[in-house]
């Protein structure tokens, strides 16, 4: 396990050193991507919580049939994603 961790750290360091951008630009880009991923994850989590609350409050709850992949696809804005929910 330690070897894998060290390999990941070495790979990340090499990637940052050999990147075609300046360090400040790369860090800003990585930070923006991490923020976006966090926002999308929080949105999916909140949607799941709402769905769970809704399904628990109904007298005859409908089963939750959407997978996480389908929900993520719906939020990604890919063409055809909204058709699956119609």
Protein backbone atom coordinates (compact mmCIF):
# COMPACT_ATOMS: atom_id res chain seq x y z
CA UNK A 1 0.00 0.00 0.00
CA UNK A 2 2.81 2.40 0.83
CA UNK A 3 4.40 1.75 -2.55
CA UNK A 4 1.17 2.61 -4.36
CA UNK A 5 0.84 5.85 -2.38
CA UNK A 6 4.42 6.84 -3.11
CA UNK A 7 3.94 6.03 -6.78
CA UNK A 8 0.82 8.20 -6.93
CA UNK A 9 2.61 11.09 -5.25
CA UNK A 10 5.62 10.77 -7.54
CA UNK A 11 3.35 10.63 -10.61
CA UNK A 12 1.41 13.69 -9.50
CA UNK A 13 4.62 15.61 -8.81
CA UNK A 14 6.07 14.65 -12.20
CA UNK A 15 2.83 15.66 -13.91
CA UNK A 16 2.88 19.07 -12.27
CA UNK A 17 6.55 19.61 -13.08
CA UNK A 18 6.20 18.59 -16.72
CA UNK A 19 2.85 20.31 -17.29
CA UNK A 20 2.68 22.83 -20.14
CA UNK A 21 1.27 25.51 -17.84
CA UNK A 22 2.84 27.59 -15.13
CA UNK A 23 2.40 26.30 -11.60
CA UNK A 24 -0.02 29.04 -10.58
CA UNK A 25 -2.15 28.44 -13.67
CA UNK A 26 -2.16 24.67 -13.10
CA UNK A 27 -3.14 25.04 -9.45
CA UNK A 28 -5.94 27.44 -10.37
CA UNK A 29 -7.20 25.03 -13.01
CA UNK A 30 -7.08 22.08 -10.61
CA UNK A 31 -8.83 24.12 -7.92
CA UNK A 32 -11.60 25.12 -10.34
CA UNK A 33 -12.10 21.51 -11.44
CA UNK A 34 -12.19 20.31 -7.84
CA UNK A 35 -14.73 23.01 -6.95
CA UNK A 36 -16.92 22.00 -9.89
CA UNK A 37 -16.74 18.33 -8.92
CA UNK A 38 -17.62 19.20 -5.33
CA UNK A 39 -20.60 21.30 -6.44
CA UNK A 40 -21.89 18.50 -8.68
CA UNK A 41 -21.42 15.95 -5.91
CA UNK A 42 -23.26 18.11 -3.39
CA UNK A 43 -26.07 18.66 -5.90
CA UNK A 44 -26.41 14.91 -6.47
CA UNK A 45 -26.33 14.27 -2.74
CA UNK A 46 -29.07 16.84 -2.09
CA UNK A 47 -31.18 15.40 -4.91
CA UNK A 48 -30.82 11.95 -3.40
CA UNK A 49 -31.83 13.25 0.01
CA UNK A 50 -34.91 14.95 -1.47
CA UNK A 51 -35.86 11.77 -3.31
CA UNK A 52 -35.46 9.73 -0.15
CA UNK A 53 -37.57 12.17 1.90
CA UNK A 54 -40.24 12.21 -0.81
CA UNK A 55 -40.34 8.43 -1.06
CA UNK A 56 -40.60 8.07 2.72
CA UNK A 57 -43.43 10.60 3.03
CA UNK A 58 -45.66 9.06 0.33
CA UNK A 59 -48.24 6.50 1.44
CA UNK A 60 -47.50 4.32 -1.58
CA UNK A 61 -43.94 5.18 -2.48
CA UNK A 62 -42.73 4.55 -5.98
CA UNK A 63 -39.44 2.69 -6.12
CA UNK A 64 -36.37 4.75 -6.91
CA UNK A 65 -35.27 3.32 -10.22
CA UNK A 66 -32.66 5.82 -11.44
CA UNK A 67 -29.05 4.83 -11.01
CA UNK A 68 -26.35 7.29 -9.96
CA UNK A 69 -25.00 7.12 -13.49
CA UNK A 70 -28.37 8.14 -14.93
CA UNK A 71 -28.68 11.02 -12.47
CA UNK A 72 -25.14 12.18 -13.28
CA UNK A 73 -25.92 11.97 -16.99
CA UNK A 74 -29.06 14.05 -16.47
CA UNK A 75 -27.01 16.72 -14.67
CA UNK A 76 -24.22 16.68 -17.24
CA UNK A 77 -26.45 18.20 -19.90
CA UNK A 78 -25.72 15.46 -22.42
CA UNK A 79 -28.15 15.24 -25.34
CA UNK A 80 -30.87 12.70 -24.80
CA UNK A 81 -30.40 12.64 -21.05
CA UNK A 82 -33.71 14.38 -20.36
CA UNK A 83 -35.59 11.89 -22.58
CA UNK A 84 -34.87 9.11 -20.08
CA UNK A 85 -36.79 11.05 -17.42
CA UNK A 86 -39.88 11.75 -19.54
